[in-house]
């Protein structure tokens, strides 16, 4: 019988579009995107596989919600594996990243501003 995987859980964040306000549109956000830091729970096993749960604009509130309401980690949403991990290599992440970079370089060569679009 295999030993269970060790899972580390913590609060993580990333910048996401949380709404739109056309009156705030400018050259950087032509549709008036409102970008904020969003916090969520992130679990990672010893192979580098990751899962996420929850989300909100307050890190402390996300952590309290996790402590009170979170289901078991195996029911969380799968997320991108840790860069360079065993799970990343098995998932084909390196080939996917190289293809993404090539697409991005081509779009930039055509003059597209890729700062806020097509994040990996």
Protein backbone atom coordinates (compact mmCIF):
# COMPACT_ATOMS: atom_id res chain seq x y z
CA UNK A 1 0.00 0.00 0.00
CA UNK A 2 1.36 3.42 -0.92
CA UNK A 3 1.84 6.01 1.80
CA UNK A 4 -0.48 9.02 1.47
CA UNK A 5 0.97 12.09 -0.16
CA UNK A 6 1.94 14.92 2.16
CA UNK A 7 -0.09 18.04 1.29
CA UNK A 8 0.84 21.58 2.31
CA UNK A 9 -1.99 24.12 2.41
CA UNK A 10 -1.62 27.89 2.45
CA UNK A 11 -3.06 31.16 1.21
CA UNK A 12 -1.97 32.22 -2.29
CA UNK A 13 -2.93 35.15 -4.49
CA UNK A 14 -2.94 36.38 -8.05
CA UNK A 15 -4.21 39.45 -9.87
CA UNK A 16 -7.55 38.90 -11.61
CA UNK A 17 -10.22 40.95 -13.34
CA UNK A 18 -12.99 41.34 -10.74
CA UNK A 19 -15.29 43.65 -12.70
CA UNK A 20 -15.64 46.23 -15.44
CA UNK A 21 -16.27 49.97 -15.44
CA UNK A 22 -16.25 51.46 -18.97
CA UNK A 23 -15.85 54.96 -17.52
CA UNK A 24 -12.39 53.93 -16.24
CA UNK A 25 -11.20 52.63 -19.63
CA UNK A 26 -7.74 53.75 -20.75
CA UNK A 27 -4.94 52.48 -22.99
CA UNK A 28 -3.91 49.77 -20.51
CA UNK A 29 -7.46 48.55 -19.86
CA UNK A 30 -9.56 49.43 -22.95
CA UNK A 31 -12.71 47.76 -21.59
CA UNK A 32 -12.35 49.31 -18.13
CA UNK A 33 -11.24 46.12 -16.39
CA UNK A 34 -10.96 46.39 -12.61
CA UNK A 35 -7.92 44.34 -11.54
CA UNK A 36 -7.47 43.37 -7.89
CA UNK A 37 -5.43 40.89 -5.90
CA UNK A 38 -7.59 37.83 -5.19
CA UNK A 39 -6.67 35.40 -2.41
CA UNK A 40 -7.46 31.66 -2.38
CA UNK A 41 -6.37 28.47 -0.66
CA UNK A 42 -3.67 26.49 -2.45
CA UNK A 43 -2.74 22.89 -1.64
CA UNK A 44 0.41 21.26 -3.04
CA UNK A 45 1.52 17.65 -2.63
CA UNK A 46 5.09 16.35 -2.56
CA UNK A 47 5.03 15.71 -6.33
CA UNK A 48 4.11 19.33 -7.13
CA UNK A 49 0.46 18.76 -8.06
CA UNK A 50 -1.75 21.64 -6.90
CA UNK A 51 -5.40 22.31 -6.08
CA UNK A 52 -7.30 25.49 -5.20
CA UNK A 53 -10.36 26.30 -3.13
CA UNK A 54 -12.29 29.46 -2.30
CA UNK A 55 -11.45 33.00 -3.17
CA UNK A 56 -11.88 36.55 -2.02
CA UNK A 57 -10.31 39.97 -1.66
CA UNK A 58 -9.34 39.49 2.01
CA UNK A 59 -6.68 36.90 2.86
CA UNK A 60 -7.78 36.52 6.48
CA UNK A 61 -11.41 35.89 5.48
CA UNK A 62 -10.34 33.23 2.97
CA UNK A 63 -8.29 31.47 5.66
CA UNK A 64 -11.20 31.53 8.15
CA UNK A 65 -13.57 30.16 5.48
CA UNK A 66 -11.05 27.36 4.82
CA UNK A 67 -10.89 26.45 8.51
CA UNK A 68 -14.67 26.37 8.84
CA UNK A 69 -16.03 25.16 5.51
CA UNK A 70 -13.38 23.62 3.21
CA UNK A 71 -14.04 20.15 1.82
CA UNK A 72 -11.23 17.58 1.65
CA UNK A 73 -8.40 18.58 -0.70
CA UNK A 74 -9.18 15.80 -3.20
CA UNK A 75 -12.46 17.63 -3.95
CA UNK A 76 -10.75 20.97 -4.72
CA UNK A 77 -10.25 22.30 -8.25
CA UNK A 78 -7.04 21.13 -9.97
CA UNK A 79 -4.58 23.92 -10.75
CA UNK A 80 -1.32 24.23 -12.66
CA UNK A 81 1.46 22.10 -11.14
CA UNK A 82 4.51 23.70 -9.52
CA UNK A 83 7.07 24.78 -12.10
CA UNK A 84 9.76 22.12 -12.63
CA UNK A 85 8.11 19.54 -10.36
CA UNK A 86 7.48 15.89 -11.19
CA UNK A 87 3.80 16.70 -11.78
CA UNK A 88 4.80 19.56 -14.11
CA UNK A 89 7.01 17.25 -16.17
CA UNK A 90 4.38 14.49 -16.31
CA UNK A 91 1.66 17.00 -17.26
CA UNK A 92 3.61 18.18 -20.31
CA UNK A 93 3.99 21.64 -18.82
CA UNK A 94 7.33 22.38 -20.44
CA UNK A 95 6.06 21.80 -23.98
CA UNK A 96 2.93 23.83 -23.21
CA UNK A 97 5.00 26.71 -21.82
CA UNK A 98 7.27 26.76 -24.88
CA UNK A 99 4.24 26.85 -27.20
CA UNK A 100 2.66 29.65 -25.12
CA UNK A 101 5.88 31.69 -25.27
CA UNK A 102 6.08 31.24 -29.05
CA UNK A 103 2.45 32.39 -29.47
CA UNK A 104 3.12 35.41 -27.27
CA UNK A 105 6.25 36.40 -29.20
CA UNK A 106 4.32 36.15 -32.47
CA UNK A 107 1.47 38.33 -31.14
CA UNK A 108 3.95 40.93 -29.87
CA UNK A 109 5.70 40.89 -33.27
CA UNK A 110 2.34 41.79 -34.85
CA UNK A 111 2.06 44.74 -32.44
CA UNK A 112 -0.36 43.38 -29.83
CA UNK A 113 0.11 44.56 -26.23
CA UNK A 114 0.21 41.33 -24.23
CA UNK A 115 0.66 42.73 -20.70
CA UNK A 116 -2.82 41.79 -19.46
CA UNK A 117 -3.88 39.06 -21.87
CA UNK A 118 -3.03 35.42 -22.28
CA UNK A 119 -1.44 34.82 -18.88
CA UNK A 120 -0.19 31.29 -18.57
